[in-house]
Amino acid sequence: MPRIERLILALRPRVGLKAYAGLVWTAIRRHPLAWATFVLVACAGFVFSHYYWLRFTLTESMPWHLVLVEKAPPAPGSLKRGDLVAWRWQGGLIYPEGAVFLKVVKGLPGDRVSVVGRDFFVHGEYVGRAKPVSRLGQVLVANQPGVVPAGHYYLYAPHRDSLDSRYAATGYVAHERILGRAYGLF
């Protein structure tokens, strides 16, 4: 660490505000590129935070550990099959109301959901088997076959233990619960 920065850190608690401001100004004059970079990154972070969230996934249900989520909800009817979305859980089982989940849109309004035994198919495509009991021993009730209602989506995750629309606890997710599109980073 350069001498001037060490001096700033050492004297900050012992000098008045005016003297401290003078030391900061001296550091800025001596290292203008470093300070300009700091200000630019801070401003970019501030602007970025108004449009996006960075979210960590806490379960194995999705292949990403870090995702970027748009803060603006998508317009009704703009979601397509395969879109990754973040949405708010309605509460139930082990998750509190408002928990944020990440899932893939598999079924759109009007798509047929069929069930053979406990195997689920959306628009004719196999999407998984509904388990009778969760990993924690909770009884899981399978969702009903039928048509995805208007203004709702069948949400899916590729992991066999995912709590998605195969289960009545999740059901068909209303568009109002969708927070925004998400993008897997890694």
N, C-alpha and C. Protein backbone atom coordinates (compact mmCIF):
# COMPACT_ATOMS: atom_id res chain seq x y z
N MET A 1 0.86 -1.17 0.00
CA MET A 1 0.00 0.00 0.00
C MET A 1 0.90 1.24 0.00
N PRO A 2 0.64 2.19 -0.91
CA PRO A 2 1.46 3.41 -0.96
C PRO A 2 1.39 4.20 0.36
N ARG A 3 2.42 5.00 0.55
CA ARG A 3 2.58 5.75 1.79
C ARG A 3 1.39 6.66 2.10
N ILE A 4 0.84 7.33 1.08
CA ILE A 4 -0.23 8.28 1.34
C ILE A 4 -1.50 7.57 1.84
N GLU A 5 -1.80 6.35 1.26
CA GLU A 5 -2.97 5.61 1.72
C GLU A 5 -2.79 5.12 3.16
N ARG A 6 -1.57 4.69 3.47
CA ARG A 6 -1.30 4.27 4.86
C ARG A 6 -1.48 5.45 5.81
N LEU A 7 -1.05 6.63 5.38
CA LEU A 7 -1.20 7.82 6.20
C LEU A 7 -2.68 8.16 6.41
N ILE A 8 -3.47 8.06 5.33
CA ILE A 8 -4.91 8.34 5.44
C ILE A 8 -5.55 7.40 6.45
N LEU A 9 -5.26 6.11 6.33
CA LEU A 9 -5.86 5.13 7.25
C LEU A 9 -5.38 5.35 8.68
N ALA A 10 -4.11 5.72 8.83
CA ALA A 10 -3.57 5.89 10.18
C ALA A 10 -4.11 7.14 10.86
N LEU A 11 -4.31 8.23 10.13
CA LEU A 11 -4.71 9.49 10.73
C LEU A 11 -6.22 9.73 10.79
N ARG A 12 -6.97 8.95 10.04
CA ARG A 12 -8.41 9.22 9.95
C ARG A 12 -9.08 9.37 11.31
N PRO A 13 -8.89 8.48 12.26
CA PRO A 13 -9.61 8.67 13.52
C PRO A 13 -9.05 9.81 14.38
N ARG A 14 -7.83 10.30 14.09
CA ARG A 14 -7.19 11.27 14.98
C ARG A 14 -7.28 12.71 14.50
N VAL A 15 -7.68 12.93 13.25
CA VAL A 15 -7.72 14.29 12.73
C VAL A 15 -9.15 14.70 12.47
N GLY A 16 -9.37 15.98 12.32
CA GLY A 16 -10.71 16.49 12.05
C GLY A 16 -11.12 16.25 10.61
N LEU A 17 -12.35 16.56 10.31
CA LEU A 17 -12.91 16.32 8.99
C LEU A 17 -12.17 17.13 7.93
N LYS A 18 -11.82 18.36 8.24
CA LYS A 18 -11.14 19.21 7.26
C LYS A 18 -9.76 18.64 6.91
N ALA A 19 -9.02 18.20 7.91
CA ALA A 19 -7.69 17.63 7.66
C ALA A 19 -7.82 16.31 6.90
N TYR A 20 -8.83 15.51 7.24
CA TYR A 20 -9.04 14.23 6.55
C TYR A 20 -9.39 14.48 5.08
N ALA A 21 -10.25 15.47 4.81
CA ALA A 21 -10.61 15.80 3.43
C ALA A 21 -9.36 16.21 2.64
N GLY A 22 -8.47 16.95 3.26
CA GLY A 22 -7.22 17.34 2.61
C GLY A 22 -6.36 16.14 2.26
N LEU A 23 -6.29 15.16 3.17
CA LEU A 23 -5.53 13.94 2.88
C LEU A 23 -6.15 13.14 1.74
N VAL A 24 -7.47 13.05 1.71
CA VAL A 24 -8.15 12.33 0.63
C VAL A 24 -7.88 13.04 -0.69
N TRP A 25 -7.97 14.37 -0.70
CA TRP A 25 -7.70 15.12 -1.92
C TRP A 25 -6.28 14.90 -2.41
N THR A 26 -5.32 14.83 -1.52
CA THR A 26 -3.93 14.55 -1.89
C THR A 26 -3.82 13.18 -2.53
N ALA A 27 -4.52 12.18 -1.96
CA ALA A 27 -4.49 10.83 -2.53
C ALA A 27 -5.11 10.82 -3.92
N ILE A 28 -6.17 11.56 -4.12
CA ILE A 28 -6.82 11.61 -5.43
C ILE A 28 -5.88 12.23 -6.46
N ARG A 29 -5.18 13.30 -6.08
CA ARG A 29 -4.25 13.93 -7.02
C ARG A 29 -3.09 13.02 -7.36
N ARG A 30 -2.64 12.22 -6.40
CA ARG A 30 -1.49 11.34 -6.64
C ARG A 30 -1.86 10.10 -7.43
N HIS A 31 -3.12 9.63 -7.33
CA HIS A 31 -3.53 8.40 -7.99
C HIS A 31 -4.87 8.62 -8.72
N PRO A 32 -4.88 9.53 -9.69
CA PRO A 32 -6.17 9.86 -10.32
C PRO A 32 -6.81 8.69 -11.07
N LEU A 33 -6.02 7.85 -11.71
CA LEU A 33 -6.59 6.73 -12.46
C LEU A 33 -7.27 5.73 -11.51
N ALA A 34 -6.64 5.44 -10.40
CA ALA A 34 -7.24 4.51 -9.43
C ALA A 34 -8.54 5.06 -8.88
N TRP A 35 -8.57 6.33 -8.55
CA TRP A 35 -9.79 6.92 -8.01
C TRP A 35 -10.87 7.03 -9.07
N ALA A 36 -10.49 7.35 -10.30
CA ALA A 36 -11.48 7.42 -11.39
C ALA A 36 -12.09 6.04 -11.64
N THR A 37 -11.26 5.01 -11.59
CA THR A 37 -11.75 3.64 -11.76
C THR A 37 -12.72 3.28 -10.63
N PHE A 38 -12.36 3.64 -9.41
CA PHE A 38 -13.23 3.37 -8.26
C PHE A 38 -14.59 4.05 -8.43
N VAL A 39 -14.58 5.31 -8.81
CA VAL A 39 -15.83 6.06 -8.98
C VAL A 39 -16.65 5.46 -10.12
N LEU A 40 -16.00 5.10 -11.22
CA LEU A 40 -16.70 4.52 -12.36
C LEU A 40 -17.35 3.18 -11.99
N VAL A 41 -16.61 2.33 -11.30
CA VAL A 41 -17.15 1.03 -10.88
C VAL A 41 -18.29 1.22 -9.89
N ALA A 42 -18.15 2.15 -8.95
CA ALA A 42 -19.21 2.40 -7.98
C ALA A 42 -20.48 2.90 -8.67
N CYS A 43 -20.33 3.81 -9.62
CA CYS A 43 -21.50 4.33 -10.35
C CYS A 43 -22.13 3.23 -11.20
N ALA A 44 -21.31 2.42 -11.87
CA ALA A 44 -21.85 1.32 -12.69
C ALA A 44 -22.60 0.33 -11.81
N GLY A 45 -22.06 0.03 -10.64
CA GLY A 45 -22.75 -0.88 -9.71
C GLY A 45 -24.07 -0.31 -9.25
N PHE A 46 -24.10 0.97 -9.00
CA PHE A 46 -25.35 1.63 -8.58
C PHE A 46 -26.41 1.54 -9.68
N VAL A 47 -26.02 1.85 -10.92
CA VAL A 47 -26.95 1.80 -12.04
C VAL A 47 -27.39 0.34 -12.27
N PHE A 48 -26.44 -0.60 -12.26
CA PHE A 48 -26.73 -2.02 -12.47
C PHE A 48 -27.75 -2.53 -11.46
N SER A 49 -27.63 -2.10 -10.21
CA SER A 49 -28.51 -2.60 -9.15
C SER A 49 -29.95 -2.13 -9.31
N HIS A 50 -30.19 -1.12 -10.13
CA HIS A 50 -31.56 -0.68 -10.38
C HIS A 50 -32.28 -1.56 -11.39
N TYR A 51 -31.54 -2.32 -12.17
CA TYR A 51 -32.14 -3.13 -13.23
C TYR A 51 -32.01 -4.64 -13.01
N TYR A 52 -31.05 -5.07 -12.20
CA TYR A 52 -30.78 -6.50 -12.04
C TYR A 52 -30.50 -6.86 -10.60
N TRP A 53 -30.75 -8.14 -10.28
CA TRP A 53 -30.31 -8.76 -9.03
C TRP A 53 -29.33 -9.86 -9.39
N LEU A 54 -28.38 -10.09 -8.53
CA LEU A 54 -27.56 -11.29 -8.61
C LEU A 54 -28.10 -12.23 -7.54
N ARG A 55 -28.45 -13.46 -7.92
CA ARG A 55 -29.03 -14.42 -6.98
C ARG A 55 -28.21 -15.70 -7.00
N PHE A 56 -28.00 -16.26 -5.83
CA PHE A 56 -27.37 -17.56 -5.70
C PHE A 56 -28.45 -18.61 -5.59
N THR A 57 -28.25 -19.76 -6.23
CA THR A 57 -29.18 -20.86 -6.05
C THR A 57 -28.69 -21.69 -4.87
N LEU A 58 -29.61 -22.04 -3.99
CA LEU A 58 -29.25 -22.75 -2.76
C LEU A 58 -29.57 -24.23 -2.83
N THR A 59 -30.16 -24.69 -3.93
CA THR A 59 -30.47 -26.10 -4.08
C THR A 59 -29.84 -26.61 -5.37
N GLU A 60 -29.95 -27.91 -5.58
CA GLU A 60 -29.38 -28.52 -6.78
C GLU A 60 -30.38 -28.55 -7.93
N SER A 61 -31.55 -27.93 -7.77
CA SER A 61 -32.60 -28.07 -8.78
C SER A 61 -32.25 -27.41 -10.11
N MET A 62 -31.35 -26.47 -10.12
CA MET A 62 -30.94 -25.82 -11.37
C MET A 62 -29.44 -26.00 -11.56
N PRO A 63 -28.97 -26.02 -12.80
CA PRO A 63 -27.54 -26.25 -13.03
C PRO A 63 -26.64 -25.06 -12.76
N TRP A 64 -27.21 -23.89 -12.42
CA TRP A 64 -26.40 -22.69 -12.18
C TRP A 64 -26.31 -22.40 -10.69
N HIS A 65 -25.18 -21.83 -10.28
CA HIS A 65 -25.01 -21.41 -8.89
C HIS A 65 -25.25 -19.91 -8.72
N LEU A 66 -25.04 -19.16 -9.80
CA LEU A 66 -25.23 -17.71 -9.76
C LEU A 66 -26.04 -17.32 -10.99
N VAL A 67 -27.10 -16.55 -10.77
CA VAL A 67 -27.95 -16.12 -11.87
C VAL A 67 -28.16 -14.61 -11.81
N LEU A 68 -28.39 -14.02 -12.96
CA LEU A 68 -28.72 -12.61 -13.09
C LEU A 68 -30.21 -12.53 -13.36
N VAL A 69 -30.93 -11.74 -12.55
CA VAL A 69 -32.39 -11.64 -12.67
C VAL A 69 -32.76 -10.20 -13.00
N GLU A 70 -33.55 -10.05 -14.05
CA GLU A 70 -34.07 -8.72 -14.39
C GLU A 70 -35.08 -8.31 -13.33
N LYS A 71 -35.02 -7.07 -12.89
CA LYS A 71 -35.98 -6.58 -11.89
C LYS A 71 -37.34 -6.26 -12.50
N ALA A 72 -37.41 -6.06 -13.79
CA ALA A 72 -38.68 -5.72 -14.44
C ALA A 72 -39.42 -7.00 -14.79
N PRO A 73 -40.65 -7.15 -14.30
CA PRO A 73 -41.42 -8.34 -14.69
C PRO A 73 -41.69 -8.35 -16.19
N PRO A 74 -41.71 -9.53 -16.80
CA PRO A 74 -41.98 -9.58 -18.24
C PRO A 74 -43.42 -9.19 -18.53
N ALA A 75 -43.64 -8.67 -19.71
CA ALA A 75 -45.01 -8.30 -20.12
C ALA A 75 -45.85 -9.56 -20.24
N PRO A 76 -47.12 -9.49 -19.89
CA PRO A 76 -47.99 -10.67 -20.04
C PRO A 76 -47.95 -11.20 -21.48
N GLY A 77 -47.79 -12.50 -21.59
CA GLY A 77 -47.74 -13.14 -22.91
C GLY A 77 -46.38 -13.12 -23.57
N SER A 78 -45.37 -12.51 -22.95
CA SER A 78 -44.06 -12.42 -23.58
C SER A 78 -43.14 -13.60 -23.26
N LEU A 79 -43.48 -14.40 -22.25
CA LEU A 79 -42.63 -15.54 -21.90
C LEU A 79 -42.81 -16.65 -22.93
N LYS A 80 -41.70 -17.37 -23.18
CA LYS A 80 -41.71 -18.48 -24.12
C LYS A 80 -41.24 -19.74 -23.40
N ARG A 81 -41.55 -20.88 -23.98
CA ARG A 81 -41.03 -22.13 -23.44
C ARG A 81 -39.51 -22.07 -23.42
N GLY A 82 -38.93 -22.48 -22.32
CA GLY A 82 -37.47 -22.48 -22.18
C GLY A 82 -36.92 -21.25 -21.48
N ASP A 83 -37.73 -20.22 -21.26
CA ASP A 83 -37.26 -19.04 -20.53
C ASP A 83 -37.03 -19.40 -19.07
N LEU A 84 -35.92 -18.93 -18.53
CA LEU A 84 -35.64 -19.08 -17.10
C LEU A 84 -36.23 -17.87 -16.40
N VAL A 85 -37.00 -18.11 -15.33
CA VAL A 85 -37.65 -17.01 -14.62
C VAL A 85 -37.43 -17.15 -13.11
N ALA A 86 -37.46 -16.01 -12.44
CA ALA A 86 -37.47 -15.97 -10.98
C ALA A 86 -38.90 -15.62 -10.57
N TRP A 87 -39.39 -16.28 -9.53
CA TRP A 87 -40.76 -16.02 -9.08
C TRP A 87 -40.85 -16.19 -7.57
N ARG A 88 -41.88 -15.58 -6.99
CA ARG A 88 -42.09 -15.62 -5.54
C ARG A 88 -43.00 -16.78 -5.17
N TRP A 89 -42.54 -17.58 -4.21
CA TRP A 89 -43.27 -18.73 -3.70
C TRP A 89 -44.46 -18.25 -2.87
N GLN A 90 -45.59 -18.93 -2.99
CA GLN A 90 -46.81 -18.53 -2.28
C GLN A 90 -46.83 -19.01 -0.84
N GLY A 91 -45.84 -19.79 -0.43
CA GLY A 91 -45.78 -20.28 0.94
C GLY A 91 -46.26 -21.72 1.02
N GLY A 92 -45.72 -22.45 1.94
CA GLY A 92 -46.12 -23.84 2.12
C GLY A 92 -44.92 -24.75 2.15
N LEU A 93 -45.16 -25.97 2.65
CA LEU A 93 -44.11 -26.96 2.87
C LEU A 93 -43.02 -26.32 3.74
N ILE A 94 -41.76 -26.40 3.34
CA ILE A 94 -40.70 -25.88 4.21
C ILE A 94 -40.28 -24.46 3.87
N TYR A 95 -40.84 -23.88 2.80
CA TYR A 95 -40.40 -22.56 2.35
C TYR A 95 -41.37 -21.48 2.79
N PRO A 96 -40.85 -20.34 3.25
CA PRO A 96 -41.75 -19.25 3.66
C PRO A 96 -42.34 -18.53 2.45
N GLU A 97 -43.43 -17.86 2.66
CA GLU A 97 -44.03 -17.07 1.60
C GLU A 97 -43.05 -15.99 1.15
N GLY A 98 -42.93 -15.82 -0.14
CA GLY A 98 -42.05 -14.80 -0.69
C GLY A 98 -40.66 -15.28 -1.04
N ALA A 99 -40.33 -16.55 -0.71
CA ALA A 99 -39.03 -17.08 -1.11
C ALA A 99 -38.93 -17.03 -2.63
N VAL A 100 -37.74 -16.74 -3.15
CA VAL A 100 -37.55 -16.61 -4.59
C VAL A 100 -37.07 -17.95 -5.15
N PHE A 101 -37.79 -18.45 -6.15
CA PHE A 101 -37.45 -19.69 -6.83
C PHE A 101 -37.05 -19.37 -8.26
N LEU A 102 -36.22 -20.24 -8.84
CA LEU A 102 -35.83 -20.15 -10.24
C LEU A 102 -36.32 -21.41 -10.94
N LYS A 103 -37.03 -21.23 -12.03
CA LYS A 103 -37.54 -22.37 -12.79
C LYS A 103 -37.56 -22.01 -14.27
N VAL A 104 -37.75 -23.03 -15.10
CA VAL A 104 -37.84 -22.88 -16.54
C VAL A 104 -39.32 -22.96 -16.94
N VAL A 105 -39.75 -22.07 -17.82
CA VAL A 105 -41.12 -22.11 -18.33
C VAL A 105 -41.21 -23.30 -19.27
N LYS A 106 -42.07 -24.25 -18.92
CA LYS A 106 -42.28 -25.43 -19.75
C LYS A 106 -43.65 -25.42 -20.39
N GLY A 107 -44.65 -24.87 -19.69
CA GLY A 107 -46.00 -24.83 -20.22
C GLY A 107 -46.56 -23.43 -20.23
N LEU A 108 -47.16 -23.05 -21.35
CA LEU A 108 -47.78 -21.74 -21.51
C LEU A 108 -49.29 -21.87 -21.37
N PRO A 109 -49.99 -20.74 -21.17
CA PRO A 109 -51.44 -20.82 -21.09
C PRO A 109 -52.03 -21.55 -22.29
N GLY A 110 -52.93 -22.51 -22.00
CA GLY A 110 -53.56 -23.30 -23.05
C GLY A 110 -52.87 -24.61 -23.34
N ASP A 111 -51.64 -24.82 -22.84
CA ASP A 111 -50.94 -26.10 -23.06
C ASP A 111 -51.59 -27.20 -22.23
N ARG A 112 -51.63 -28.40 -22.79
CA ARG A 112 -52.21 -29.54 -22.10
C ARG A 112 -51.15 -30.21 -21.23
N VAL A 113 -51.52 -30.47 -19.97
CA VAL A 113 -50.67 -31.20 -19.03
C VAL A 113 -51.35 -32.54 -18.81
N SER A 114 -50.63 -33.62 -19.10
CA SER A 114 -51.19 -34.95 -18.90
C SER A 114 -50.33 -35.72 -17.91
N VAL A 115 -50.98 -36.68 -17.25
CA VAL A 115 -50.30 -37.49 -16.23
C VAL A 115 -50.59 -38.94 -16.52
N VAL A 116 -49.54 -39.74 -16.54
CA VAL A 116 -49.66 -41.19 -16.66
C VAL A 116 -49.00 -41.78 -15.42
N GLY A 117 -49.81 -42.31 -14.50
CA GLY A 117 -49.28 -42.72 -13.20
C GLY A 117 -48.87 -41.47 -12.45
N ARG A 118 -47.56 -41.32 -12.24
CA ARG A 118 -47.03 -40.10 -11.63
C ARG A 118 -46.07 -39.37 -12.58
N ASP A 119 -46.07 -39.80 -13.84
CA ASP A 119 -45.23 -39.16 -14.87
C ASP A 119 -46.00 -38.01 -15.51
N PHE A 120 -45.34 -36.85 -15.61
CA PHE A 120 -45.97 -35.64 -16.14
C PHE A 120 -45.46 -35.34 -17.55
N PHE A 121 -46.41 -34.91 -18.40
CA PHE A 121 -46.11 -34.51 -19.77
C PHE A 121 -46.75 -33.15 -20.01
N VAL A 122 -45.98 -32.24 -20.60
CA VAL A 122 -46.50 -30.92 -20.95
C VAL A 122 -46.34 -30.76 -22.45
N HIS A 123 -47.47 -30.48 -23.10
CA HIS A 123 -47.46 -30.30 -24.55
C HIS A 123 -46.87 -31.55 -25.22
N GLY A 124 -47.11 -32.72 -24.60
CA GLY A 124 -46.62 -33.99 -25.14
C GLY A 124 -45.20 -34.34 -24.75
N GLU A 125 -44.48 -33.46 -24.07
CA GLU A 125 -43.08 -33.70 -23.69
C GLU A 125 -42.99 -34.13 -22.23
N TYR A 126 -42.22 -35.21 -21.98
CA TYR A 126 -42.03 -35.71 -20.63
C TYR A 126 -41.24 -34.67 -19.81
N VAL A 127 -41.76 -34.34 -18.61
CA VAL A 127 -41.07 -33.34 -17.78
C VAL A 127 -40.68 -33.88 -16.41
N GLY A 128 -41.05 -35.11 -16.09
CA GLY A 128 -40.60 -35.66 -14.82
C GLY A 128 -41.67 -36.47 -14.11
N ARG A 129 -41.24 -37.11 -13.05
CA ARG A 129 -42.11 -37.93 -12.23
C ARG A 129 -42.33 -37.24 -10.89
N ALA A 130 -43.58 -37.19 -10.47
CA ALA A 130 -43.92 -36.61 -9.16
C ALA A 130 -43.65 -37.67 -8.10
N LYS A 131 -42.82 -37.32 -7.13
CA LYS A 131 -42.51 -38.24 -6.04
C LYS A 131 -43.63 -38.19 -5.00
N PRO A 132 -43.89 -39.31 -4.34
CA PRO A 132 -44.94 -39.30 -3.30
C PRO A 132 -44.48 -38.63 -2.00
N VAL A 133 -43.16 -38.65 -1.74
CA VAL A 133 -42.61 -38.12 -0.49
C VAL A 133 -41.34 -37.34 -0.81
N SER A 134 -41.15 -36.19 -0.14
CA SER A 134 -39.95 -35.38 -0.36
C SER A 134 -38.74 -36.01 0.32
N ARG A 135 -37.57 -35.45 0.07
CA ARG A 135 -36.34 -35.93 0.74
C ARG A 135 -36.43 -35.78 2.25
N LEU A 136 -37.27 -34.84 2.70
CA LEU A 136 -37.42 -34.59 4.14
C LEU A 136 -38.57 -35.38 4.75
N GLY A 137 -39.20 -36.25 3.94
CA GLY A 137 -40.27 -37.09 4.46
C GLY A 137 -41.66 -36.47 4.42
N GLN A 138 -41.81 -35.33 3.77
CA GLN A 138 -43.13 -34.69 3.66
C GLN A 138 -43.91 -35.32 2.51
N VAL A 139 -45.20 -35.53 2.73
CA VAL A 139 -46.06 -36.07 1.68
C VAL A 139 -46.24 -35.00 0.61
N LEU A 140 -46.05 -35.40 -0.65
CA LEU A 140 -46.19 -34.50 -1.78
C LEU A 140 -47.40 -34.92 -2.61
N VAL A 141 -48.31 -34.01 -2.80
CA VAL A 141 -49.51 -34.26 -3.60
C VAL A 141 -49.22 -33.82 -5.02
N ALA A 142 -49.47 -34.73 -5.97
CA ALA A 142 -49.22 -34.41 -7.38
C ALA A 142 -50.27 -33.42 -7.89
N ASN A 143 -49.85 -32.59 -8.82
CA ASN A 143 -50.75 -31.64 -9.47
C ASN A 143 -51.74 -32.41 -10.34
N GLN A 144 -52.83 -31.78 -10.69
CA GLN A 144 -53.86 -32.40 -11.52
C GLN A 144 -53.56 -32.18 -13.01
N PRO A 145 -53.90 -33.17 -13.85
CA PRO A 145 -53.76 -32.95 -15.29
C PRO A 145 -54.82 -31.95 -15.76
N GLY A 146 -54.60 -31.39 -16.92
CA GLY A 146 -55.56 -30.44 -17.47
C GLY A 146 -54.87 -29.46 -18.40
N VAL A 147 -55.42 -28.27 -18.48
CA VAL A 147 -54.90 -27.22 -19.35
C VAL A 147 -54.34 -26.11 -18.46
N VAL A 148 -53.17 -25.61 -18.84
CA VAL A 148 -52.58 -24.48 -18.09
C VAL A 148 -53.53 -23.29 -18.25
N PRO A 149 -54.03 -22.74 -17.12
CA PRO A 149 -55.00 -21.64 -17.21
C PRO A 149 -54.40 -20.36 -17.79
N ALA A 150 -55.26 -19.50 -18.26
CA ALA A 150 -54.83 -18.19 -18.77
C ALA A 150 -54.12 -17.43 -17.66
N GLY A 151 -53.02 -16.78 -18.01
CA GLY A 151 -52.28 -15.98 -17.03
C GLY A 151 -51.42 -16.81 -16.09
N HIS A 152 -51.20 -18.10 -16.39
CA HIS A 152 -50.41 -18.99 -15.55
C HIS A 152 -49.39 -19.74 -16.41
N TYR A 153 -48.41 -20.34 -15.73
CA TYR A 153 -47.36 -21.09 -16.42
C TYR A 153 -47.09 -22.39 -15.68
N TYR A 154 -46.68 -23.40 -16.43
CA TYR A 154 -46.17 -24.63 -15.84
C TYR A 154 -44.67 -24.42 -15.75
N LEU A 155 -44.13 -24.36 -14.52
CA LEU A 155 -42.69 -24.13 -14.31
C LEU A 155 -42.02 -25.43 -13.93
N TYR A 156 -40.80 -25.59 -14.39
CA TYR A 156 -40.09 -26.86 -14.34
C TYR A 156 -38.63 -26.64 -13.99
N ALA A 157 -38.04 -27.65 -13.35
CA ALA A 157 -36.58 -27.68 -13.16
C ALA A 157 -36.12 -29.09 -13.48
N PRO A 158 -34.92 -29.24 -14.02
CA PRO A 158 -34.48 -30.56 -14.48
C PRO A 158 -34.15 -31.55 -13.36
N HIS A 159 -33.99 -31.10 -12.15
CA HIS A 159 -33.61 -32.00 -11.05
C HIS A 159 -34.81 -32.82 -10.58
N ARG A 160 -34.62 -34.08 -10.29
CA ARG A 160 -35.74 -34.96 -9.90
C ARG A 160 -36.37 -34.55 -8.57
N ASP A 161 -35.62 -33.83 -7.72
CA ASP A 161 -36.16 -33.40 -6.42
C ASP A 161 -36.70 -31.97 -6.44
N SER A 162 -36.80 -31.37 -7.62
CA SER A 162 -37.25 -29.99 -7.70
C SER A 162 -38.72 -29.88 -7.33
N LEU A 163 -39.04 -28.82 -6.59
CA LEU A 163 -40.42 -28.52 -6.22
C LEU A 163 -40.98 -27.62 -7.31
N ASP A 164 -41.49 -28.24 -8.37
CA ASP A 164 -41.99 -27.47 -9.51
C ASP A 164 -43.47 -27.74 -9.71
N SER A 165 -43.98 -27.45 -10.89
CA SER A 165 -45.43 -27.55 -11.14
C SER A 165 -45.95 -28.98 -11.18
N ARG A 166 -45.10 -29.98 -11.00
CA ARG A 166 -45.60 -31.36 -10.87
C ARG A 166 -46.41 -31.51 -9.59
N TYR A 167 -46.19 -30.62 -8.64
CA TYR A 167 -46.79 -30.76 -7.32
C TYR A 167 -47.87 -29.69 -7.09
N ALA A 168 -48.92 -30.11 -6.38
CA ALA A 168 -50.04 -29.21 -6.09
C ALA A 168 -49.59 -28.01 -5.26
N ALA A 169 -48.56 -28.18 -4.43
CA ALA A 169 -48.07 -27.07 -3.60
C ALA A 169 -47.59 -25.91 -4.48
N THR A 170 -47.02 -26.22 -5.64
CA THR A 170 -46.58 -25.19 -6.58
C THR A 170 -47.70 -24.87 -7.56
N GLY A 171 -48.25 -25.90 -8.16
CA GLY A 171 -49.32 -25.73 -9.12
C GLY A 171 -48.88 -24.91 -10.32
N TYR A 172 -49.86 -24.32 -11.00
CA TYR A 172 -49.56 -23.45 -12.12
C TYR A 172 -49.30 -22.07 -11.54
N VAL A 173 -48.18 -21.49 -11.90
CA VAL A 173 -47.75 -20.22 -11.29
C VAL A 173 -48.35 -19.04 -12.04
N ALA A 174 -49.00 -18.15 -11.30
CA ALA A 174 -49.63 -16.96 -11.87
C ALA A 174 -48.57 -15.98 -12.37
N HIS A 175 -48.89 -15.30 -13.46
CA HIS A 175 -47.96 -14.33 -14.04
C HIS A 175 -47.57 -13.24 -13.03
N GLU A 176 -48.48 -12.89 -12.13
CA GLU A 176 -48.20 -11.84 -11.14
C GLU A 176 -47.08 -12.22 -10.19
N ARG A 177 -46.79 -13.51 -10.04
CA ARG A 177 -45.72 -13.95 -9.14
C ARG A 177 -44.34 -13.95 -9.81
N ILE A 178 -44.31 -13.77 -11.12
CA ILE A 178 -43.03 -13.77 -11.86
C ILE A 178 -42.32 -12.43 -11.59
N LEU A 179 -41.10 -12.52 -11.08
CA LEU A 179 -40.31 -11.32 -10.80
C LEU A 179 -39.58 -10.81 -12.03
N GLY A 180 -39.08 -11.73 -12.85
CA GLY A 180 -38.34 -11.31 -14.04
C GLY A 180 -37.66 -12.49 -14.68
N ARG A 181 -37.17 -12.25 -15.89
CA ARG A 181 -36.37 -13.28 -16.57
C ARG A 181 -35.04 -13.42 -15.84
N ALA A 182 -34.49 -14.61 -15.92
CA ALA A 182 -33.20 -14.87 -15.28
C ALA A 182 -32.24 -15.44 -16.30
N TYR A 183 -30.96 -15.26 -16.04
CA TYR A 183 -29.91 -15.75 -16.94
C TYR A 183 -28.84 -16.43 -16.09
N GLY A 184 -28.60 -17.71 -16.37
CA GLY A 184 -27.58 -18.45 -15.63
C GLY A 184 -26.20 -17.95 -15.98
N LEU A 185 -25.40 -17.63 -14.95
CA LEU A 185 -24.04 -17.13 -15.19
C LEU A 185 -23.02 -18.26 -15.06
N PHE A 186 -23.08 -19.00 -13.96
CA PHE A 186 -22.24 -20.18 -13.79
C PHE A 186 -22.78 -21.01 -12.67
